[in-house]
Amino acid sequence: MKNNRGFTLVEIILALGMGVIIVFVMGRFATTISGLESIINEKLSVQQDLVQLLQVVSTEIRSAEPSELGAYPTVTASSTEFTFYSDFDRDGLVDRIRYFFNTSTLEKGIITPTGLPLTYVTSSEVVIPVVTGVKVGSSSFVYFGDTATSTANPLTYPLTLSNIRFINVSITADVSSSTPRPTTRSQIITIRNLRSN
């Protein structure tokens, strides 16, 4: 009796088919892992951007002060816009700063006083985007009075600017529609120069 040691054509075809399937599954797995890594990196980037942004916004709002003309520290306050005076660049001049939600971006407008006597020319406002991918309907400015506690109700509209002592800045953002959920960060900020206690 003769021993035929070798593979039949059927065995070779089956082995090749299984190899192709394994390569295809591994490729799909690598693509899925790469996509998940991209989504996770985007989410972490958005979270980091929002944390850094809120630190800057907090510093500026905390140091709100009367304008160079003696105007009250807060100018406008709505759920989508907050305008105030602060020397954000530490140049000795109190600037007019406006944070506002515009379409899918949080923007910052800055007016530096000019002239003699100093004036704030609104047409000279420099507007820069601060964060893109903002979900405007889920982002807002909420205002509280001097008796605010963690369970206090916000001030109601129309607002009296002189009653504002605390501001809750809440920003919801996402960089792409492929991520499962947007990221929300919020911070309650005290306007130091307006504290009564």
Protein backbone atom coordinates (compact mmCIF):
# COMPACT_ATOMS: atom_id res chain seq x y z
CA MET A 1 0.00 0.00 0.00
CA LYS A 2 1.11 3.36 -0.94
CA ASN A 3 0.75 6.38 1.36
CA ASN A 4 -0.14 9.55 -0.45
CA ARG A 5 1.13 12.36 1.64
CA GLY A 6 -0.21 15.64 0.34
CA PHE A 7 -3.24 17.85 0.22
CA THR A 8 -6.19 17.46 -2.02
CA LEU A 9 -7.52 20.34 -4.07
CA VAL A 10 -10.56 20.64 -1.78
CA GLU A 11 -8.34 20.94 1.30
CA ILE A 12 -6.22 23.65 -0.33
CA ILE A 13 -9.32 25.64 -1.35
CA LEU A 14 -10.76 25.33 2.18
CA ALA A 15 -7.49 26.43 3.77
CA LEU A 16 -7.24 29.44 1.43
CA GLY A 17 -10.88 30.37 2.11
CA MET A 18 -10.36 30.21 5.85
CA GLY A 19 -7.20 32.31 5.53
CA VAL A 20 -9.06 34.96 3.53
CA ILE A 21 -11.85 35.05 6.13
CA ILE A 22 -9.33 35.41 8.97
CA VAL A 23 -7.50 38.25 7.18
CA PHE A 24 -10.83 39.99 6.45
CA VAL A 25 -12.02 39.71 10.09
CA MET A 26 -8.67 40.97 11.40
CA GLY A 27 -8.79 43.92 8.98
CA ARG A 28 -12.31 44.85 10.09
CA PHE A 29 -11.27 44.54 13.73
CA ALA A 30 -8.27 46.84 13.18
CA THR A 31 -10.48 49.39 11.37
CA THR A 32 -13.03 49.34 14.20
CA ILE A 33 -10.32 49.76 16.85
CA SER A 34 -8.79 52.64 14.86
CA GLY A 35 -12.20 54.33 14.60
CA LEU A 36 -12.83 53.94 18.34
CA GLU A 37 -9.40 55.35 19.09
CA SER A 38 -10.18 58.38 16.92
CA ILE A 39 -13.53 58.96 18.69
CA ILE A 40 -11.90 58.65 22.13
CA ASN A 41 -9.13 61.09 21.16
CA GLU A 42 -11.74 63.59 19.87
CA LYS A 43 -13.76 63.30 23.09
CA LEU A 44 -10.68 63.79 25.26
CA SER A 45 -9.62 66.79 23.17
CA VAL A 46 -13.06 68.40 23.53
CA GLN A 47 -13.07 67.78 27.29
CA GLN A 48 -9.60 69.28 27.66
CA ASP A 49 -10.54 72.31 25.52
CA LEU A 50 -13.67 72.94 27.61
CA VAL A 51 -11.80 72.66 30.92
CA GLN A 52 -9.13 75.11 29.72
CA LEU A 53 -11.76 77.47 28.32
CA LEU A 54 -13.72 77.53 31.58
CA GLN A 55 -10.53 78.37 33.48
CA VAL A 56 -9.96 81.40 31.24
CA VAL A 57 -13.61 82.49 31.32
CA SER A 58 -13.69 82.09 35.12
CA THR A 59 -10.61 84.25 35.60
CA GLU A 60 -12.01 86.99 33.39
CA ILE A 61 -15.49 87.01 34.93
CA ARG A 62 -14.17 86.82 38.50
CA SER A 63 -12.14 89.95 37.88
CA ALA A 64 -15.01 91.94 36.33
CA GLU A 65 -14.80 95.59 37.34
CA PRO A 66 -16.22 98.99 36.40
CA SER A 67 -15.28 100.25 32.95
CA GLU A 68 -12.77 103.02 32.30
CA LEU A 69 -15.79 105.35 32.16
CA GLY A 70 -17.15 104.11 35.49
CA ALA A 71 -19.93 101.97 34.00
CA TYR A 72 -21.26 99.01 35.97
CA PRO A 73 -19.13 95.80 35.58
CA THR A 74 -21.85 93.85 33.74
CA VAL A 75 -23.26 95.16 30.46
CA THR A 76 -25.63 92.48 29.12
CA ALA A 77 -26.81 89.16 30.45
CA SER A 78 -28.92 86.61 28.59
CA SER A 79 -28.90 82.84 28.24
CA THR A 80 -26.76 83.09 25.09
CA GLU A 81 -24.60 86.15 25.79
CA PHE A 82 -22.74 87.74 28.68
CA THR A 83 -20.91 91.06 28.37
CA PHE A 84 -18.77 92.60 31.11
CA TYR A 85 -15.70 94.74 31.75
CA SER A 86 -12.38 93.21 32.77
CA ASP A 87 -8.68 93.85 32.25
CA PHE A 88 -8.17 90.39 30.76
CA ASP A 89 -4.78 91.18 29.20
CA ARG A 90 -3.39 92.98 32.28
CA ASP A 91 -2.36 96.10 30.33
CA GLY A 92 -3.91 98.51 32.84
CA LEU A 93 -6.97 99.25 30.66
CA VAL A 94 -10.33 97.68 31.42
CA ASP A 95 -11.64 96.00 28.24
CA ARG A 96 -15.21 95.20 27.26
CA ILE A 97 -15.55 91.41 26.88
CA ARG A 98 -18.49 89.63 25.33
CA TYR A 99 -18.95 85.86 25.27
CA PHE A 100 -21.76 84.68 23.02
CA PHE A 101 -23.04 81.57 21.26
CA ASN A 102 -23.15 81.96 17.49
CA THR A 103 -24.52 79.04 15.44
CA SER A 104 -22.22 76.20 16.61
CA THR A 105 -19.43 78.32 18.10
CA LEU A 106 -18.75 80.09 21.37
CA GLU A 107 -17.16 83.39 20.41
CA LYS A 108 -15.40 86.12 22.34
CA GLY A 109 -15.64 89.77 21.42
CA ILE A 110 -13.13 92.26 22.82
CA ILE A 111 -13.29 96.04 22.74
CA THR A 112 -10.26 97.91 24.03
CA PRO A 113 -10.98 101.51 25.05
CA THR A 114 -9.35 104.13 22.82
CA GLY A 115 -9.09 107.89 22.47
CA LEU A 116 -8.98 110.79 24.91
CA PRO A 117 -11.21 110.59 26.79
CA LEU A 118 -11.35 106.81 26.58
CA THR A 119 -14.40 105.32 24.81
CA TYR A 120 -15.54 101.84 23.86
CA VAL A 121 -16.22 101.87 20.12
CA THR A 122 -18.46 98.89 19.36
CA SER A 123 -17.43 98.86 15.70
CA SER A 124 -13.85 98.10 16.79
CA GLU A 125 -14.86 94.84 18.49
CA VAL A 126 -12.48 92.00 17.66
CA VAL A 127 -14.38 88.68 17.58
CA ILE A 128 -12.55 85.38 17.84
CA PRO A 129 -13.95 81.84 17.93
CA VAL A 130 -13.21 80.15 21.24
CA VAL A 131 -14.80 76.71 20.87
CA THR A 132 -16.40 75.14 17.81
CA GLY A 133 -18.87 72.27 17.73
CA VAL A 134 -21.02 73.88 20.43
CA LYS A 135 -24.57 72.62 20.89
CA VAL A 136 -26.18 76.04 21.36
CA GLY A 137 -29.54 74.79 22.65
CA SER A 138 -27.75 72.85 25.40
CA SER A 139 -25.24 75.59 26.30
CA SER A 140 -26.10 78.65 28.33
CA PHE A 141 -25.32 81.34 30.87
CA VAL A 142 -27.49 81.14 34.00
CA TYR A 143 -27.44 83.90 36.63
CA PHE A 144 -27.89 83.84 40.41
CA GLY A 145 -28.26 86.52 43.07
CA ASP A 146 -26.27 87.05 46.28
CA THR A 147 -28.37 84.56 48.27
CA ALA A 148 -27.63 81.70 45.90
CA THR A 149 -26.98 78.26 47.30
CA SER A 150 -26.43 74.97 45.54
CA THR A 151 -30.22 74.49 45.41
CA ALA A 152 -31.20 78.10 44.63
CA ASN A 153 -33.35 79.02 41.67
CA PRO A 154 -31.70 81.20 39.03
CA LEU A 155 -32.70 84.83 38.58
CA THR A 156 -35.72 85.29 36.32
CA TYR A 157 -35.98 87.46 33.22
CA PRO A 158 -35.95 90.35 32.74
CA LEU A 159 -32.71 90.44 34.72
CA THR A 160 -31.57 93.35 36.84
CA LEU A 161 -27.82 93.44 36.17
CA SER A 162 -27.04 94.74 39.66
CA ASN A 163 -28.56 91.55 41.17
CA ILE A 164 -26.14 89.17 39.40
CA ARG A 165 -23.49 87.72 41.73
CA PHE A 166 -22.92 84.22 40.36
CA ILE A 167 -22.93 82.87 36.80
CA ASN A 168 -23.21 79.24 35.79
CA VAL A 169 -21.48 78.85 32.43
CA SER A 170 -22.50 75.57 30.80
CA ILE A 171 -21.05 74.51 27.46
CA THR A 172 -22.00 71.39 25.52
CA ALA A 173 -19.74 70.62 22.57
CA ASP A 174 -18.80 67.87 20.17
CA VAL A 175 -16.32 67.88 17.32
CA SER A 176 -18.11 65.42 15.07
CA SER A 177 -21.41 63.70 14.60
CA SER A 178 -19.71 60.30 14.80
CA THR A 179 -19.21 60.56 18.55
CA PRO A 180 -21.99 58.99 20.59
CA ARG A 181 -22.66 61.83 23.02
CA PRO A 182 -21.58 65.46 23.29
CA THR A 183 -19.44 66.62 26.21
CA THR A 184 -20.84 69.08 28.75
CA ARG A 185 -18.80 71.12 31.20
CA SER A 186 -20.11 73.81 33.50
CA GLN A 187 -18.75 76.03 36.20
CA ILE A 188 -20.30 78.44 38.68
CA ILE A 189 -18.32 81.67 38.79
CA THR A 190 -18.46 84.37 41.44
CA ILE A 191 -17.94 87.98 40.38
CA ARG A 192 -15.51 88.97 43.14
CA ASN A 193 -15.98 92.73 42.94
CA LEU A 194 -19.76 92.33 43.38
CA ARG A 195 -19.76 90.05 46.43
CA SER A 196 -21.70 91.38 49.37
CA ASN A 197 -20.15 89.10 52.00
